[in-house]
Amino acid sequence: MVLARMTKWIFKEGKRNSAFNELDATVGNVARTSKGFRGVMSLLSRDDPNIGFVITLWNDDESLKASERNVLPPSIQKVMEDLAEPPAVENFRLFTAELRSIGPTE
């Protein structure tokens, strides 16, 4: 069973792009070396210039819980001063997914 965590990040006015770059790098670097890590998607809202989402995928409940201690806190700390509020966190059980290998798109 693959599990996912989605975090919604609301940044202060005009801070999203620079802070989200830092966040994406932090999540990527820490998560990639974590046991049970399966993947990550970083999404920028098209409707709100201050919002971004990060979805991480984990092998099992153990790795998801470990990432709550090892991945999420350093990520929050890295962008804390640019956040308008703490990130909203929701966990999911992956039902289905189809992804092709893609990289940053800018």
PDB file of N, CA and C in Angstrom:
ATOM      1  N   MET A   1       0.845  -1.176   0.000  1.00  0.00           N
ATOM      2  CA  MET A   1       0.000   0.000   0.000  1.00  0.00           C
ATOM      3  C   MET A   1       0.893   1.243   0.000  1.00  0.00           C
ATOM      4  N   VAL A   2       0.666   2.146  -0.915  1.00  0.00           N
ATOM      5  CA  VAL A   2       1.418   3.402  -0.985  1.00  0.00           C
ATOM      6  C   VAL A   2       0.572   4.494  -0.336  1.00  0.00           C
ATOM      7  N   LEU A   3       1.221   5.324   0.465  1.00  0.00           N
ATOM      8  CA  LEU A   3       0.554   6.434   1.150  1.00  0.00           C
ATOM      9  C   LEU A   3       1.098   7.754   0.628  1.00  0.00           C
ATOM     10  N   ALA A   4       0.292   8.788   0.754  1.00  0.00           N
ATOM     11  CA  ALA A   4       0.680  10.121   0.286  1.00  0.00           C
ATOM     12  C   ALA A   4       0.387  11.157   1.360  1.00  0.00           C
ATOM     13  N   ARG A   5       1.229  12.162   1.394  1.00  0.00           N
ATOM     14  CA  ARG A   5       0.977  13.321   2.250  1.00  0.00           C
ATOM     15  C   ARG A   5       0.903  14.534   1.336  1.00  0.00           C
ATOM     16  N   MET A   6      -0.157  15.326   1.517  1.00  0.00           N
ATOM     17  CA  MET A   6      -0.283  16.572   0.772  1.00  0.00           C
ATOM     18  C   MET A   6      -0.206  17.718   1.771  1.00  0.00           C
ATOM     19  N   THR A   7       0.695  18.648   1.506  1.00  0.00           N
ATOM     20  CA  THR A   7       0.788  19.840   2.337  1.00  0.00           C
ATOM     21  C   THR A   7       0.461  21.051   1.478  1.00  0.00           C
ATOM     22  N   LYS A   8      -0.348  21.922   2.041  1.00  0.00           N
ATOM     23  CA  LYS A   8      -0.723  23.177   1.378  1.00  0.00           C
ATOM     24  C   LYS A   8       0.054  24.289   2.072  1.00  0.00           C
ATOM     25  N   TRP A   9       0.819  25.027   1.278  1.00  0.00           N
ATOM     26  CA  TRP A   9       1.686  26.077   1.793  1.00  0.00           C
ATOM     27  C   TRP A   9       1.152  27.425   1.339  1.00  0.00           C
ATOM     28  N   ILE A  10       0.837  28.279   2.302  1.00  0.00           N
ATOM     29  CA  ILE A  10       0.364  29.628   1.995  1.00  0.00           C
ATOM     30  C   ILE A  10       1.462  30.597   2.413  1.00  0.00           C
ATOM     31  N   PHE A  11       1.992  31.295   1.425  1.00  0.00           N
ATOM     32  CA  PHE A  11       3.118  32.189   1.654  1.00  0.00           C
ATOM     33  C   PHE A  11       2.665  33.643   1.764  1.00  0.00           C
ATOM     34  N   LYS A  12       3.500  34.441   2.389  1.00  0.00           N
ATOM     35  CA  LYS A  12       3.260  35.884   2.440  1.00  0.00           C
ATOM     36  C   LYS A  12       3.293  36.439   1.024  1.00  0.00           C
ATOM     37  N   GLU A  13       2.617  37.544   0.837  1.00  0.00           N
ATOM     38  CA  GLU A  13       2.523  38.199  -0.473  1.00  0.00           C
ATOM     39  C   GLU A  13       3.896  38.333  -1.132  1.00  0.00           C
ATOM     40  N   GLY A  14       4.021  37.813  -2.350  1.00  0.00           N
ATOM     41  CA  GLY A  14       5.236  37.956  -3.126  1.00  0.00           C
ATOM     42  C   GLY A  14       6.390  37.042  -2.735  1.00  0.00           C
ATOM     43  N   LYS A  15       6.175  36.143  -1.786  1.00  0.00           N
ATOM     44  CA  LYS A  15       7.258  35.279  -1.293  1.00  0.00           C
ATOM     45  C   LYS A  15       7.218  33.865  -1.858  1.00  0.00           C
ATOM     46  N   ARG A  16       6.136  33.508  -2.560  1.00  0.00           N
ATOM     47  CA  ARG A  16       5.966  32.110  -2.955  1.00  0.00           C
ATOM     48  C   ARG A  16       7.115  31.562  -3.793  1.00  0.00           C
ATOM     49  N   ASN A  17       7.486  32.242  -4.851  1.00  0.00           N
ATOM     50  CA  ASN A  17       8.460  31.655  -5.771  1.00  0.00           C
ATOM     51  C   ASN A  17       9.807  31.370  -5.114  1.00  0.00           C
ATOM     52  N   SER A  18      10.354  32.329  -4.406  1.00  0.00           N
ATOM     53  CA  SER A  18      11.656  32.105  -3.776  1.00  0.00           C
ATOM     54  C   SER A  18      11.550  31.084  -2.639  1.00  0.00           C
ATOM     55  N   ALA A  19      10.514  31.196  -1.831  1.00  0.00           N
ATOM     56  CA  ALA A  19      10.349  30.261  -0.714  1.00  0.00           C
ATOM     57  C   ALA A  19      10.045  28.850  -1.211  1.00  0.00           C
ATOM     58  N   PHE A  20       9.236  28.746  -2.271  1.00  0.00           N
ATOM     59  CA  PHE A  20       8.884  27.426  -2.774  1.00  0.00           C
ATOM     60  C   PHE A  20      10.093  26.733  -3.401  1.00  0.00           C
ATOM     61  N   ASN A  21      10.998  27.491  -4.004  1.00  0.00           N
ATOM     62  CA  ASN A  21      12.244  26.906  -4.504  1.00  0.00           C
ATOM     63  C   ASN A  21      13.046  26.297  -3.360  1.00  0.00           C
ATOM     64  N   GLU A  22      13.135  27.026  -2.252  1.00  0.00           N
ATOM     65  CA  GLU A  22      13.834  26.517  -1.060  1.00  0.00           C
ATOM     66  C   GLU A  22      13.127  25.282  -0.515  1.00  0.00           C
ATOM     67  N   LEU A  23      11.824  25.356  -0.426  1.00  0.00           N
ATOM     68  CA  LEU A  23      11.028  24.252   0.092  1.00  0.00           C
ATOM     69  C   LEU A  23      11.193  23.013  -0.780  1.00  0.00           C
ATOM     70  N   ASP A  24      11.088  23.180  -2.074  1.00  0.00           N
ATOM     71  CA  ASP A  24      11.210  22.062  -3.009  1.00  0.00           C
ATOM     72  C   ASP A  24      12.574  21.390  -2.878  1.00  0.00           C
ATOM     73  N   ALA A  25      13.613  22.184  -2.762  1.00  0.00           N
ATOM     74  CA  ALA A  25      14.959  21.631  -2.609  1.00  0.00           C
ATOM     75  C   ALA A  25      15.104  20.885  -1.284  1.00  0.00           C
ATOM     76  N   THR A  26      14.574  21.448  -0.220  1.00  0.00           N
ATOM     77  CA  THR A  26      14.673  20.826   1.101  1.00  0.00           C
ATOM     78  C   THR A  26      13.909  19.513   1.136  1.00  0.00           C
ATOM     79  N   VAL A  27      12.649  19.544   0.696  1.00  0.00           N
ATOM     80  CA  VAL A  27      11.844  18.321   0.693  1.00  0.00           C
ATOM     81  C   VAL A  27      12.525  17.264  -0.170  1.00  0.00           C
ATOM     82  N   GLY A  28      12.945  17.669  -1.357  1.00  0.00           N
ATOM     83  CA  GLY A  28      13.582  16.719  -2.254  1.00  0.00           C
ATOM     84  C   GLY A  28      14.828  16.089  -1.673  1.00  0.00           C
ATOM     85  N   ASN A  29      15.708  16.904  -1.123  1.00  0.00           N
ATOM     86  CA  ASN A  29      16.965  16.393  -0.579  1.00  0.00           C
ATOM     87  C   ASN A  29      16.748  15.486   0.624  1.00  0.00           C
ATOM     88  N   VAL A  30      15.892  15.897   1.540  1.00  0.00           N
ATOM     89  CA  VAL A  30      15.677  15.099   2.752  1.00  0.00           C
ATOM     90  C   VAL A  30      14.856  13.855   2.429  1.00  0.00           C
ATOM     91  N   ALA A  31      13.793  14.010   1.654  1.00  0.00           N
ATOM     92  CA  ALA A  31      12.922  12.877   1.363  1.00  0.00           C
ATOM     93  C   ALA A  31      13.638  11.799   0.554  1.00  0.00           C
ATOM     94  N   ARG A  32      14.408  12.201  -0.434  1.00  0.00           N
ATOM     95  CA  ARG A  32      15.075  11.218  -1.312  1.00  0.00           C
ATOM     96  C   ARG A  32      15.979  10.257  -0.554  1.00  0.00           C
ATOM     97  N   THR A  33      16.500  10.690   0.572  1.00  0.00           N
ATOM     98  CA  THR A  33      17.380   9.830   1.367  1.00  0.00           C
ATOM     99  C   THR A  33      16.624   9.104   2.478  1.00  0.00           C
ATOM    100  N   SER A  34      15.317   9.280   2.537  1.00  0.00           N
ATOM    101  CA  SER A  34      14.508   8.663   3.590  1.00  0.00           C
ATOM    102  C   SER A  34      14.025   7.280   3.165  1.00  0.00           C
ATOM    103  N   LYS A  35      14.051   6.362   4.088  1.00  0.00           N
ATOM    104  CA  LYS A  35      13.568   5.006   3.843  1.00  0.00           C
ATOM    105  C   LYS A  35      12.083   5.063   3.468  1.00  0.00           C
ATOM    106  N   GLY A  36      11.723   4.363   2.418  1.00  0.00           N
ATOM    107  CA  GLY A  36      10.322   4.264   2.027  1.00  0.00           C
ATOM    108  C   GLY A  36       9.829   5.371   1.120  1.00  0.00           C
ATOM    109  N   PHE A  37      10.693   6.307   0.760  1.00  0.00           N
ATOM    110  CA  PHE A  37      10.297   7.402  -0.136  1.00  0.00           C
ATOM    111  C   PHE A  37      10.035   6.858  -1.527  1.00  0.00           C
ATOM    112  N   ARG A  38       8.893   7.262  -2.131  1.00  0.00           N
ATOM    113  CA  ARG A  38       8.528   6.796  -3.472  1.00  0.00           C
ATOM    114  C   ARG A  38       8.503   7.911  -4.512  1.00  0.00           C
ATOM    115  N   GLY A  39       8.281   9.160  -4.082  1.00  0.00           N
ATOM    116  CA  GLY A  39       8.236  10.240  -5.050  1.00  0.00           C
ATOM    117  C   GLY A  39       7.702  11.516  -4.444  1.00  0.00           C
ATOM    118  N   VAL A  40       7.813  12.592  -5.239  1.00  0.00           N
ATOM    119  CA  VAL A  40       7.346  13.906  -4.787  1.00  0.00           C
ATOM    120  C   VAL A  40       6.824  14.688  -5.987  1.00  0.00           C
ATOM    121  N   MET A  41       5.791  15.461  -5.764  1.00  0.00           N
ATOM    122  CA  MET A  41       5.281  16.406  -6.752  1.00  0.00           C
ATOM    123  C   MET A  41       5.138  17.746  -6.059  1.00  0.00           C
ATOM    124  N   SER A  42       5.647  18.785  -6.689  1.00  0.00           N
ATOM    125  CA  SER A  42       5.523  20.147  -6.171  1.00  0.00           C
ATOM    126  C   SER A  42       4.644  20.917  -7.139  1.00  0.00           C
ATOM    127  N   LEU A  43       3.571  21.511  -6.622  1.00  0.00           N
ATOM    128  CA  LEU A  43       2.560  22.153  -7.455  1.00  0.00           C
ATOM    129  C   LEU A  43       2.380  23.610  -7.050  1.00  0.00           C
ATOM    130  N   LEU A  44       2.292  24.482  -8.037  1.00  0.00           N
ATOM    131  CA  LEU A  44       1.997  25.895  -7.801  1.00  0.00           C
ATOM    132  C   LEU A  44       0.563  26.164  -8.224  1.00  0.00           C
ATOM    133  N   SER A  45      -0.191  26.801  -7.352  1.00  0.00           N
ATOM    134  CA  SER A  45      -1.574  27.140  -7.682  1.00  0.00           C
ATOM    135  C   SER A  45      -1.607  28.097  -8.871  1.00  0.00           C
ATOM    136  N   ARG A  46      -2.498  27.828  -9.790  1.00  0.00           N
ATOM    137  CA  ARG A  46      -2.692  28.752 -10.916  1.00  0.00           C
ATOM    138  C   ARG A  46      -3.646  29.874 -10.533  1.00  0.00           C
ATOM    139  N   ASP A  47      -4.428  29.650  -9.470  1.00  0.00           N
ATOM    140  CA  ASP A  47      -5.453  30.617  -9.068  1.00  0.00           C
ATOM    141  C   ASP A  47      -5.002  31.596  -7.998  1.00  0.00           C
ATOM    142  N   ASP A  48      -4.017  31.204  -7.200  1.00  0.00           N
ATOM    143  CA  ASP A  48      -3.564  32.053  -6.096  1.00  0.00           C
ATOM    144  C   ASP A  48      -2.041  32.118  -6.121  1.00  0.00           C
ATOM    145  N   PRO A  49      -1.468  33.297  -6.352  1.00  0.00           N
ATOM    146  CA  PRO A  49      -0.016  33.423  -6.484  1.00  0.00           C
ATOM    147  C   PRO A  49       0.761  33.229  -5.180  1.00  0.00           C
ATOM    148  N   ASN A  50       0.063  32.965  -4.087  1.00  0.00           N
ATOM    149  CA  ASN A  50       0.728  32.772  -2.801  1.00  0.00           C
ATOM    150  C   ASN A  50       0.650  31.335  -2.291  1.00  0.00           C
ATOM    151  N   ILE A  51       0.100  30.416  -3.084  1.00  0.00           N
ATOM    152  CA  ILE A  51      -0.137  29.050  -2.617  1.00  0.00           C
ATOM    153  C   ILE A  51       0.636  28.036  -3.451  1.00  0.00           C
ATOM    154  N   GLY A  52       1.194  27.043  -2.749  1.00  0.00           N
ATOM    155  CA  GLY A  52       1.840  25.892  -3.370  1.00  0.00           C
ATOM    156  C   GLY A  52       1.472  24.636  -2.603  1.00  0.00           C
ATOM    157  N   PHE A  53       1.594  23.506  -3.263  1.00  0.00           N
ATOM    158  CA  PHE A  53       1.300  22.208  -2.652  1.00  0.00           C
ATOM    159  C   PHE A  53       2.491  21.285  -2.868  1.00  0.00           C
ATOM    160  N   VAL A  54       2.723  20.410  -1.905  1.00  0.00           N
ATOM    161  CA  VAL A  54       3.725  19.362  -2.065  1.00  0.00           C
ATOM    162  C   VAL A  54       3.044  18.040  -1.733  1.00  0.00           C
ATOM    163  N   ILE A  55       3.184  17.075  -2.644  1.00  0.00           N
ATOM    164  CA  ILE A  55       2.654  15.738  -2.422  1.00  0.00           C
ATOM    165  C   ILE A  55       3.844  14.785  -2.396  1.00  0.00           C
ATOM    166  N   THR A  56       4.008  14.078  -1.284  1.00  0.00           N
ATOM    167  CA  THR A  56       5.057  13.077  -1.185  1.00  0.00           C
ATOM    168  C   THR A  56       4.407  11.700  -1.114  1.00  0.00           C
ATOM    169  N   LEU A  57       5.081  10.707  -1.676  1.00  0.00           N
ATOM    170  CA  LEU A  57       4.583   9.334  -1.695  1.00  0.00           C
ATOM    171  C   LEU A  57       5.509   8.446  -0.872  1.00  0.00           C
ATOM    172  N   TRP A  58       4.894   7.538  -0.092  1.00  0.00           N
ATOM    173  CA  TRP A  58       5.645   6.703   0.849  1.00  0.00           C
ATOM    174  C   TRP A  58       5.193   5.255   0.748  1.00  0.00           C
ATOM    175  N   ASN A  59       6.124   4.325   0.947  1.00  0.00           N
ATOM    176  CA  ASN A  59       5.850   2.889   0.818  1.00  0.00           C
ATOM    177  C   ASN A  59       4.815   2.355   1.789  1.00  0.00           C
ATOM    178  N   ASP A  60       4.824   2.878   3.017  1.00  0.00           N
ATOM    179  CA  ASP A  60       3.989   2.284   4.059  1.00  0.00           C
ATOM    180  C   ASP A  60       3.784   3.287   5.187  1.00  0.00           C
ATOM    181  N   ASP A  61       2.990   2.869   6.155  1.00  0.00           N
ATOM    182  CA  ASP A  61       2.663   3.741   7.291  1.00  0.00           C
ATOM    183  C   ASP A  61       3.908   4.103   8.094  1.00  0.00           C
ATOM    184  N   GLU A  62       4.823   3.162   8.230  1.00  0.00           N
ATOM    185  CA  GLU A  62       6.058   3.415   8.983  1.00  0.00           C
ATOM    186  C   GLU A  62       6.868   4.548   8.349  1.00  0.00           C
ATOM    187  N   SER A  63       7.043   4.505   7.044  1.00  0.00           N
ATOM    188  CA  SER A  63       7.833   5.550   6.382  1.00  0.00           C
ATOM    189  C   SER A  63       7.085   6.888   6.364  1.00  0.00           C
ATOM    190  N   LEU A  64       5.758   6.853   6.236  1.00  0.00           N
ATOM    191  CA  LEU A  64       4.971   8.087   6.296  1.00  0.00           C
ATOM    192  C   LEU A  64       5.134   8.749   7.666  1.00  0.00           C
ATOM    193  N   LYS A  65       5.006   7.964   8.722  1.00  0.00           N
ATOM    194  CA  LYS A  65       5.157   8.504  10.085  1.00  0.00           C
ATOM    195  C   LYS A  65       6.570   9.014  10.337  1.00  0.00           C
ATOM    196  N   ALA A  66       7.564   8.294   9.841  1.00  0.00           N
ATOM    197  CA  ALA A  66       8.957   8.743  10.014  1.00  0.00           C
ATOM    198  C   ALA A  66       9.177  10.075   9.312  1.00  0.00           C
ATOM    199  N   SER A  67       8.532  10.261   8.161  1.00  0.00           N
ATOM    200  CA  SER A  67       8.702  11.522   7.431  1.00  0.00           C
ATOM    201  C   SER A  67       8.067  12.694   8.173  1.00  0.00           C
ATOM    202  N   GLU A  68       7.088  12.419   9.032  1.00  0.00           N
ATOM    203  CA  GLU A  68       6.497  13.476   9.861  1.00  0.00           C
ATOM    204  C   GLU A  68       7.544  14.057  10.805  1.00  0.00           C
ATOM    205  N   ARG A  69       8.497  13.231  11.197  1.00  0.00           N
ATOM    206  CA  ARG A  69       9.563  13.671  12.100  1.00  0.00           C
ATOM    207  C   ARG A  69      10.791  14.166  11.347  1.00  0.00           C
ATOM    208  N   ASN A  70      11.097  13.538  10.195  1.00  0.00           N
ATOM    209  CA  ASN A  70      12.370  13.781   9.536  1.00  0.00           C
ATOM    210  C   ASN A  70      12.316  14.690   8.313  1.00  0.00           C
ATOM    211  N   VAL A  71      11.170  14.792   7.654  1.00  0.00           N
ATOM    212  CA  VAL A  71      11.066  15.577   6.430  1.00  0.00           C
ATOM    213  C   VAL A  71      10.278  16.862   6.655  1.00  0.00           C
ATOM    214  N   LEU A  72       9.127  16.743   7.273  1.00  0.00           N
ATOM    215  CA  LEU A  72       8.255  17.906   7.429  1.00  0.00           C
ATOM    216  C   LEU A  72       8.848  19.021   8.302  1.00  0.00           C
ATOM    217  N   PRO A  73       9.370  18.729   9.502  1.00  0.00           N
ATOM    218  CA  PRO A  73       9.909  19.813  10.339  1.00  0.00           C
ATOM    219  C   PRO A  73      11.021  20.639   9.691  1.00  0.00           C
ATOM    220  N   PRO A  74      12.054  20.015   9.065  1.00  0.00           N
ATOM    221  CA  PRO A  74      13.078  20.859   8.442  1.00  0.00           C
ATOM    222  C   PRO A  74      12.537  21.664   7.264  1.00  0.00           C
ATOM    223  N   SER A  75      11.526  21.130   6.598  1.00  0.00           N
ATOM    224  CA  SER A  75      10.919  21.849   5.476  1.00  0.00           C
ATOM    225  C   SER A  75      10.208  23.106   5.970  1.00  0.00           C
ATOM    226  N   ILE A  76       9.442  22.952   7.032  1.00  0.00           N
ATOM    227  CA  ILE A  76       8.741  24.102   7.624  1.00  0.00           C
ATOM    228  C   ILE A  76       9.756  25.128   8.114  1.00  0.00           C
ATOM    229  N   GLN A  77      10.781  24.649   8.809  1.00  0.00           N
ATOM    230  CA  GLN A  77      11.797  25.547   9.361  1.00  0.00           C
ATOM    231  C   GLN A  77      12.481  26.365   8.266  1.00  0.00           C
ATOM    232  N   LYS A  78      12.725  25.743   7.123  1.00  0.00           N
ATOM    233  CA  LYS A  78      13.444  26.399   6.037  1.00  0.00           C
ATOM    234  C   LYS A  78      12.699  27.623   5.490  1.00  0.00           C
ATOM    235  N   VAL A  79      11.359  27.587   5.493  1.00  0.00           N
ATOM    236  CA  VAL A  79      10.568  28.676   4.899  1.00  0.00           C
ATOM    237  C   VAL A  79       9.688  29.398   5.910  1.00  0.00           C
ATOM    238  N   MET A  80       9.901  29.134   7.189  1.00  0.00           N
ATOM    239  CA  MET A  80       9.048  29.665   8.263  1.00  0.00           C
ATOM    240  C   MET A  80       8.767  31.159   8.140  1.00  0.00           C
ATOM    241  N   GLU A  81       9.783  31.967   7.901  1.00  0.00           N
ATOM    242  CA  GLU A  81       9.584  33.419   7.889  1.00  0.00           C
ATOM    243  C   GLU A  81       8.809  33.903   6.662  1.00  0.00           C
ATOM    244  N   ASP A  82       8.681  33.060   5.645  1.00  0.00           N
ATOM    245  CA  ASP A  82       7.929  33.428   4.440  1.00  0.00           C
ATOM    246  C   ASP A  82       6.499  32.893   4.431  1.00  0.00           C
ATOM    247  N   LEU A  83       6.115  32.140   5.465  1.00  0.00           N
ATOM    248  CA  LEU A  83       4.774  31.567   5.533  1.00  0.00           C
ATOM    249  C   LEU A  83       3.772  32.544   6.134  1.00  0.00           C
ATOM    250  N   ALA A  84       2.579  32.584   5.550  1.00  0.00           N
ATOM    251  CA  ALA A  84       1.489  33.381   6.111  1.00  0.00           C
ATOM    252  C   ALA A  84       0.819  32.626   7.251  1.00  0.00           C
ATOM    253  N   GLU A  85       0.900  31.291   7.200  1.00  0.00           N
ATOM    254  CA  GLU A  85       0.336  30.428   8.236  1.00  0.00           C
ATOM    255  C   GLU A  85       0.999  29.062   8.132  1.00  0.00           C
ATOM    256  N   PRO A  86       0.892  28.236   9.184  1.00  0.00           N
ATOM    257  CA  PRO A  86       1.492  26.896   9.105  1.00  0.00           C
ATOM    258  C   PRO A  86       0.854  26.089   7.969  1.00  0.00           C
ATOM    259  N   PRO A  87       1.601  25.167   7.381  1.00  0.00           N
ATOM    260  CA  PRO A  87       1.036  24.391   6.284  1.00  0.00           C
ATOM    261  C   PRO A  87      -0.083  23.467   6.764  1.00  0.00           C
ATOM    262  N   ALA A  88      -1.089  23.294   5.924  1.00  0.00           N
ATOM    263  CA  ALA A  88      -2.149  22.325   6.193  1.00  0.00           C
ATOM    264  C   ALA A  88      -1.664  20.975   5.684  1.00  0.00           C
ATOM    265  N   VAL A  89      -1.848  19.938   6.478  1.00  0.00           N
ATOM    266  CA  VAL A  89      -1.333  18.615   6.153  1.00  0.00           C
ATOM    267  C   VAL A  89      -2.485  17.618   6.116  1.00  0.00           C
ATOM    268  N   GLU A  90      -2.498  16.806   5.066  1.00  0.00           N
ATOM    269  CA  GLU A  90      -3.499  15.742   4.971  1.00  0.00           C
ATOM    270  C   GLU A  90      -2.826  14.504   4.385  1.00  0.00           C
ATOM    271  N   ASN A  91      -3.153  13.340   4.962  1.00  0.00           N
ATOM    272  CA  ASN A  91      -2.586  12.080   4.504  1.00  0.00           C
ATOM    273  C   ASN A  91      -3.632  11.274   3.744  1.00  0.00           C
ATOM    274  N   PHE A  92      -3.156  10.485   2.766  1.00  0.00           N
ATOM    275  CA  PHE A  92      -4.036   9.728   1.893  1.00  0.00           C
ATOM    276  C   PHE A  92      -3.477   8.321   1.673  1.00  0.00           C
ATOM    277  N   ARG A  93      -4.336   7.422   1.279  1.00  0.00           N
ATOM    278  CA  ARG A  93      -3.941   6.124   0.744  1.00  0.00           C
ATOM    279  C   ARG A  93      -4.061   6.253  -0.759  1.00  0.00           C
ATOM    280  N   LEU A  94      -3.012   5.930  -1.462  1.00  0.00           N
ATOM    281  CA  LEU A  94      -3.016   6.070  -2.913  1.00  0.00           C
ATOM    282  C   LEU A  94      -3.943   5.025  -3.526  1.00  0.00           C
ATOM    283  N   PHE A  95      -4.890   5.465  -4.315  1.00  0.00           N
ATOM    284  CA  PHE A  95      -5.821   4.574  -4.993  1.00  0.00           C
ATOM    285  C   PHE A  95      -5.258   4.159  -6.342  1.00  0.00           C
ATOM    286  N   THR A  96      -4.845   5.140  -7.124  1.00  0.00           N
ATOM    287  CA  THR A  96      -4.228   4.848  -8.419  1.00  0.00           C
ATOM    288  C   THR A  96      -3.365   6.033  -8.828  1.00  0.00           C
ATOM    289  N   ALA A  97      -2.364   5.768  -9.654  1.00  0.00           N
ATOM    290  CA  ALA A  97      -1.501   6.833 -10.163  1.00  0.00           C
ATOM    291  C   ALA A  97      -0.893   6.390 -11.471  1.00  0.00           C
ATOM    292  N   GLU A  98      -0.692   7.344 -12.340  1.00  0.00           N
ATOM    293  CA  GLU A  98       0.043   7.100 -13.575  1.00  0.00           C
ATOM    294  C   GLU A  98       0.886   8.334 -13.833  1.00  0.00           C
ATOM    295  N   LEU A  99       2.190   8.161 -13.769  1.00  0.00           N
ATOM    296  CA  LEU A  99       3.112   9.271 -13.941  1.00  0.00           C
ATOM    297  C   LEU A  99       4.181   8.900 -14.938  1.00  0.00           C
ATOM    298  N   ARG A 100       4.530   9.827 -15.757  1.00  0.00           N
ATOM    299  CA  ARG A 100       5.695   9.663 -16.628  1.00  0.00           C
ATOM    300  C   ARG A 100       6.808  10.481 -16.006  1.00  0.00           C
ATOM    301  N   SER A 101       8.016  10.097 -16.255  1.00  0.00           N
ATOM    302  CA  SER A 101       9.142  10.810 -15.686  1.00  0.00           C
ATOM    303  C   SER A 101       9.220  12.225 -16.273  1.00  0.00           C
ATOM    304  N   ILE A 102       9.085  13.214 -15.387  1.00  0.00           N
ATOM    305  CA  ILE A 102       9.200  14.603 -15.789  1.00  0.00           C
ATOM    306  C   ILE A 102      10.045  15.341 -14.763  1.00  0.00           C
ATOM    307  N   GLY A 103      10.606  16.452 -15.156  1.00  0.00           N
ATOM    308  CA  GLY A 103      11.398  17.259 -14.252  1.00  0.00           C
ATOM    309  C   GLY A 103      10.768  18.634 -14.103  1.00  0.00           C
ATOM    310  N   PRO A 104      11.493  19.572 -13.533  1.00  0.00           N
ATOM    311  CA  PRO A 104      10.971  20.943 -13.382  1.00  0.00           C
ATOM    312  C   PRO A 104      10.544  21.515 -14.737  1.00  0.00           C
ATOM    313  N   THR A 105       9.482  22.285 -14.705  1.00  0.00           N
ATOM    314  CA  THR A 105       8.932  22.844 -15.950  1.00  0.00           C
ATOM    315  C   THR A 105       8.862  24.356 -15.879  1.00  0.00           C
ATOM    316  N   GLU A 106       9.913  25.012 -16.237  1.00  0.00           N
ATOM    317  CA  GLU A 106       9.895  26.480 -16.306  1.00  0.00           C
ATOM    318  C   GLU A 106      10.775  26.948 -17.399  1.00  0.00           C
TER     319      GLU A 106
END
